[in-house]
């Protein structure tokens, strides 16, 4: 494996994994302790305290992926790129109206499969991954019908 890539794998446990959106943010930690601020970042990671704060890593631009779509969209705040960096899985689209979110366009497309992954070139560091889901399959419309 390349230590300059971030690999996110989706593997079937009970049902085929399905994802509608993917956010990746590089993060750094800062502490309000002057003593800890004098330590190298790697040492700070092992000495984290409750006074720490997480901030965006300037070495990695946040990434928003409109999973399953060949189009980029803008939600009024973020530009979501077309589906990139994936291997495997199948894209899916629904014509249904997505409710419960101010911007349903991201949730109208998805990627699913027994095994698929995203591999993103990224500097070595810490990342926050946010996965976005929408249940668009009629067979899973009942509460607790799909387990995550």
C-alpha atoms as a PDB file:
ATOM      1  CA  UNK A   1       0.000   0.000   0.000  1.00  0.00           C
ATOM      2  CA  UNK A   2       1.094   3.548  -0.684  1.00  0.00           C
ATOM      3  CA  UNK A   3       1.359   5.622   2.493  1.00  0.00           C
ATOM      4  CA  UNK A   4       0.322   8.651   0.439  1.00  0.00           C
ATOM      5  CA  UNK A   5      -3.174   7.350  -0.158  1.00  0.00           C
ATOM      6  CA  UNK A   6      -6.314   7.071   1.889  1.00  0.00           C
ATOM      7  CA  UNK A   7      -8.280   3.880   1.194  1.00  0.00           C
ATOM      8  CA  UNK A   8     -11.931   3.552   2.219  1.00  0.00           C
ATOM      9  CA  UNK A   9     -13.363   0.073   1.636  1.00  0.00           C
ATOM     10  CA  UNK A  10     -16.983  -1.035   1.701  1.00  0.00           C
ATOM     11  CA  UNK A  11     -17.469  -4.774   2.180  1.00  0.00           C
ATOM     12  CA  UNK A  12     -20.700  -6.750   2.335  1.00  0.00           C
ATOM     13  CA  UNK A  13     -21.602  -8.051   5.810  1.00  0.00           C
ATOM     14  CA  UNK A  14     -25.350  -8.674   5.533  1.00  0.00           C
ATOM     15  CA  UNK A  15     -26.529  -6.465   2.652  1.00  0.00           C
ATOM     16  CA  UNK A  16     -24.690  -4.710  -0.149  1.00  0.00           C
ATOM     17  CA  UNK A  17     -23.191  -1.468   1.182  1.00  0.00           C
ATOM     18  CA  UNK A  18     -24.700   1.644  -0.396  1.00  0.00           C
ATOM     19  CA  UNK A  19     -23.331   5.182  -0.046  1.00  0.00           C
ATOM     20  CA  UNK A  20     -24.645   8.462  -1.509  1.00  0.00           C
ATOM     21  CA  UNK A  21     -21.985  11.007  -0.550  1.00  0.00           C
ATOM     22  CA  UNK A  22     -18.443  11.068   0.789  1.00  0.00           C
ATOM     23  CA  UNK A  23     -16.619  13.912   2.552  1.00  0.00           C
ATOM     24  CA  UNK A  24     -12.911  13.838   3.416  1.00  0.00           C
ATOM     25  CA  UNK A  25     -11.299  16.476   5.618  1.00  0.00           C
ATOM     26  CA  UNK A  26      -7.646  16.540   6.635  1.00  0.00           C
ATOM     27  CA  UNK A  27      -7.370  17.531  10.292  1.00  0.00           C
ATOM     28  CA  UNK A  28      -4.704  18.722  12.709  1.00  0.00           C
ATOM     29  CA  UNK A  29      -4.966  18.941  16.463  1.00  0.00           C
ATOM     30  CA  UNK A  30      -3.982  21.892  18.608  1.00  0.00           C
ATOM     31  CA  UNK A  31      -3.895  22.043  22.374  1.00  0.00           C
ATOM     32  CA  UNK A  32      -4.361  25.028  24.627  1.00  0.00           C
ATOM     33  CA  UNK A  33      -1.476  23.702  26.748  1.00  0.00           C
ATOM     34  CA  UNK A  34       1.693  25.733  26.063  1.00  0.00           C
ATOM     35  CA  UNK A  35       3.807  22.792  27.177  1.00  0.00           C
ATOM     36  CA  UNK A  36       2.193  20.498  24.641  1.00  0.00           C
ATOM     37  CA  UNK A  37       2.385  23.079  21.827  1.00  0.00           C
ATOM     38  CA  UNK A  38       6.175  22.910  22.075  1.00  0.00           C
ATOM     39  CA  UNK A  39       6.081  19.185  21.213  1.00  0.00           C
ATOM     40  CA  UNK A  40       6.243  17.940  17.619  1.00  0.00           C
ATOM     41  CA  UNK A  41       2.818  17.174  16.165  1.00  0.00           C
ATOM     42  CA  UNK A  42       3.455  13.396  16.358  1.00  0.00           C
ATOM     43  CA  UNK A  43       4.154  13.639  20.108  1.00  0.00           C
ATOM     44  CA  UNK A  44       1.087  15.834  20.583  1.00  0.00           C
ATOM     45  CA  UNK A  45      -1.052  13.081  19.031  1.00  0.00           C
ATOM     46  CA  UNK A  46      -0.015  10.619  21.739  1.00  0.00           C
ATOM     47  CA  UNK A  47      -0.525  13.194  24.525  1.00  0.00           C
ATOM     48  CA  UNK A  48      -4.002  14.465  23.611  1.00  0.00           C
ATOM     49  CA  UNK A  49      -5.962  16.173  26.361  1.00  0.00           C
ATOM     50  CA  UNK A  50      -9.534  17.365  26.683  1.00  0.00           C
ATOM     51  CA  UNK A  51      -8.399  20.913  25.864  1.00  0.00           C
ATOM     52  CA  UNK A  52      -7.530  20.004  22.273  1.00  0.00           C
ATOM     53  CA  UNK A  53      -9.214  21.431  19.199  1.00  0.00           C
ATOM     54  CA  UNK A  54      -9.311  20.006  15.708  1.00  0.00           C
ATOM     55  CA  UNK A  55      -8.861  22.258  12.681  1.00  0.00           C
ATOM     56  CA  UNK A  56      -8.622  21.751   8.926  1.00  0.00           C
ATOM     57  CA  UNK A  57      -5.225  20.638   7.634  1.00  0.00           C
ATOM     58  CA  UNK A  58      -3.954  23.266   5.204  1.00  0.00           C
ATOM     59  CA  UNK A  59      -2.109  20.532   3.259  1.00  0.00           C
ATOM     60  CA  UNK A  60      -5.347  18.863   2.109  1.00  0.00           C
ATOM     61  CA  UNK A  61      -8.319  20.593   0.507  1.00  0.00           C
ATOM     62  CA  UNK A  62     -11.628  19.165   1.754  1.00  0.00           C
ATOM     63  CA  UNK A  63     -13.123  16.748  -0.737  1.00  0.00           C
ATOM     64  CA  UNK A  64     -16.852  16.312  -1.403  1.00  0.00           C
ATOM     65  CA  UNK A  65     -17.822  13.447  -3.719  1.00  0.00           C
ATOM     66  CA  UNK A  66     -21.273  13.124  -5.279  1.00  0.00           C
ATOM     67  CA  UNK A  67     -21.125   9.317  -5.176  1.00  0.00           C
ATOM     68  CA  UNK A  68     -22.621   7.447  -8.147  1.00  0.00           C
ATOM     69  CA  UNK A  69     -22.987  10.584 -10.262  1.00  0.00           C
ATOM     70  CA  UNK A  70     -21.137  11.664 -13.388  1.00  0.00           C
ATOM     71  CA  UNK A  71     -22.075  15.275 -12.620  1.00  0.00           C
ATOM     72  CA  UNK A  72     -20.747  17.819 -10.160  1.00  0.00           C
ATOM     73  CA  UNK A  73     -23.291  19.740  -8.071  1.00  0.00           C
ATOM     74  CA  UNK A  74     -23.208  22.774  -5.815  1.00  0.00           C
ATOM     75  CA  UNK A  75     -25.329  22.656  -2.653  1.00  0.00           C
ATOM     76  CA  UNK A  76     -25.057  26.376  -1.886  1.00  0.00           C
ATOM     77  CA  UNK A  77     -22.077  25.780   0.422  1.00  0.00           C
ATOM     78  CA  UNK A  78     -19.866  23.055  -1.106  1.00  0.00           C
ATOM     79  CA  UNK A  79     -18.992  21.925  -4.610  1.00  0.00           C
ATOM     80  CA  UNK A  80     -19.514  18.152  -4.815  1.00  0.00           C
ATOM     81  CA  UNK A  81     -17.373  16.567  -7.559  1.00  0.00           C
ATOM     82  CA  UNK A  82     -18.616  13.820  -9.824  1.00  0.00           C
ATOM     83  CA  UNK A  83     -17.901  10.290  -8.561  1.00  0.00           C
ATOM     84  CA  UNK A  84     -14.102   9.858  -8.648  1.00  0.00           C
ATOM     85  CA  UNK A  85     -11.382   7.709  -7.014  1.00  0.00           C
ATOM     86  CA  UNK A  86     -13.588   4.575  -6.881  1.00  0.00           C
ATOM     87  CA  UNK A  87     -12.929   0.984  -7.868  1.00  0.00           C
ATOM     88  CA  UNK A  88     -15.774  -1.526  -8.130  1.00  0.00           C
ATOM     89  CA  UNK A  89     -19.402  -1.210  -7.223  1.00  0.00           C
ATOM     90  CA  UNK A  90     -22.245  -0.011  -9.404  1.00  0.00           C
ATOM     91  CA  UNK A  91     -23.759   3.463  -9.629  1.00  0.00           C
ATOM     92  CA  UNK A  92     -27.462   3.879  -8.970  1.00  0.00           C
ATOM     93  CA  UNK A  93     -29.919   6.740  -9.462  1.00  0.00           C
ATOM     94  CA  UNK A  94     -33.393   7.353  -8.088  1.00  0.00           C
ATOM     95  CA  UNK A  95     -36.093   9.655  -9.391  1.00  0.00           C
ATOM     96  CA  UNK A  96     -37.627   9.853  -5.911  1.00  0.00           C
ATOM     97  CA  UNK A  97     -37.765  13.094  -3.974  1.00  0.00           C
ATOM     98  CA  UNK A  98     -35.335  13.012  -1.059  1.00  0.00           C
ATOM     99  CA  UNK A  99     -36.758  14.579   2.109  1.00  0.00           C
ATOM    100  CA  UNK A 100     -35.160  15.434   5.444  1.00  0.00           C
ATOM    101  CA  UNK A 101     -32.225  17.342   3.981  1.00  0.00           C
ATOM    102  CA  UNK A 102     -31.925  20.848   2.530  1.00  0.00           C
ATOM    103  CA  UNK A 103     -30.095  19.486  -0.525  1.00  0.00           C
ATOM    104  CA  UNK A 104     -31.420  16.199  -1.843  1.00  0.00           C
ATOM    105  CA  UNK A 105     -29.467  16.146  -5.124  1.00  0.00           C
ATOM    106  CA  UNK A 106     -26.438  14.503  -3.495  1.00  0.00           C
ATOM    107  CA  UNK A 107     -28.677  11.699  -2.177  1.00  0.00           C
ATOM    108  CA  UNK A 108     -30.320  10.881  -5.534  1.00  0.00           C
ATOM    109  CA  UNK A 109     -27.268   8.950  -6.704  1.00  0.00           C
ATOM    110  CA  UNK A 110     -25.277   6.262  -4.935  1.00  0.00           C
ATOM    111  CA  UNK A 111     -22.793   3.438  -5.369  1.00  0.00           C
ATOM    112  CA  UNK A 112     -23.405  -0.083  -4.095  1.00  0.00           C
ATOM    113  CA  UNK A 113     -21.831  -3.504  -4.352  1.00  0.00           C
ATOM    114  CA  UNK A 114     -20.451  -6.516  -2.553  1.00  0.00           C
ATOM    115  CA  UNK A 115     -17.019  -4.850  -2.378  1.00  0.00           C
ATOM    116  CA  UNK A 116     -15.957  -1.415  -3.589  1.00  0.00           C
ATOM    117  CA  UNK A 117     -13.513   1.225  -2.455  1.00  0.00           C
ATOM    118  CA  UNK A 118     -12.255   4.754  -2.798  1.00  0.00           C
ATOM    119  CA  UNK A 119      -8.521   5.442  -2.918  1.00  0.00           C
ATOM    120  CA  UNK A 120      -7.590   9.098  -2.573  1.00  0.00           C
ATOM    121  CA  UNK A 121      -4.088  10.519  -2.881  1.00  0.00           C
ATOM    122  CA  UNK A 122      -3.430  12.351   0.361  1.00  0.00           C
ATOM    123  CA  UNK A 123      -0.462  13.368   2.498  1.00  0.00           C
ATOM    124  CA  UNK A 124       0.240  11.267   5.578  1.00  0.00           C
ATOM    125  CA  UNK A 125      -1.942  12.552   8.414  1.00  0.00           C
ATOM    126  CA  UNK A 126      -5.296  12.327  10.171  1.00  0.00           C
ATOM    127  CA  UNK A 127      -8.588  12.529   8.309  1.00  0.00           C
ATOM    128  CA  UNK A 128     -12.243  12.887   9.171  1.00  0.00           C
ATOM    129  CA  UNK A 129     -14.478  10.853   6.868  1.00  0.00           C
ATOM    130  CA  UNK A 130     -18.210  11.630   6.675  1.00  0.00           C
ATOM    131  CA  UNK A 131     -20.475   9.170   4.878  1.00  0.00           C
ATOM    132  CA  UNK A 132     -23.883  10.241   3.546  1.00  0.00           C
ATOM    133  CA  UNK A 133     -26.695   7.715   3.162  1.00  0.00           C
ATOM    134  CA  UNK A 134     -30.232   7.757   1.778  1.00  0.00           C
ATOM    135  CA  UNK A 135     -32.475   4.732   1.687  1.00  0.00           C
ATOM    136  CA  UNK A 136     -33.992   4.794  -1.786  1.00  0.00           C
ATOM    137  CA  UNK A 137     -34.761   1.089  -2.212  1.00  0.00           C
ATOM    138  CA  UNK A 138     -38.408   0.141  -1.590  1.00  0.00           C
ATOM    139  CA  UNK A 139     -37.414  -3.117   0.107  1.00  0.00           C
ATOM    140  CA  UNK A 140     -35.686  -1.188   2.920  1.00  0.00           C
ATOM    141  CA  UNK A 141     -38.268   1.523   3.582  1.00  0.00           C
ATOM    142  CA  UNK A 142     -39.388   0.113   6.947  1.00  0.00           C
ATOM    143  CA  UNK A 143     -37.565   1.362  10.042  1.00  0.00           C
ATOM    144  CA  UNK A 144     -34.547  -0.827  10.944  1.00  0.00           C
ATOM    145  CA  UNK A 145     -34.868  -2.792   7.690  1.00  0.00           C
ATOM    146  CA  UNK A 146     -31.176  -2.188   6.887  1.00  0.00           C
ATOM    147  CA  UNK A 147     -28.420  -2.314   9.475  1.00  0.00           C
ATOM    148  CA  UNK A 148     -25.337  -0.070   9.263  1.00  0.00           C
END
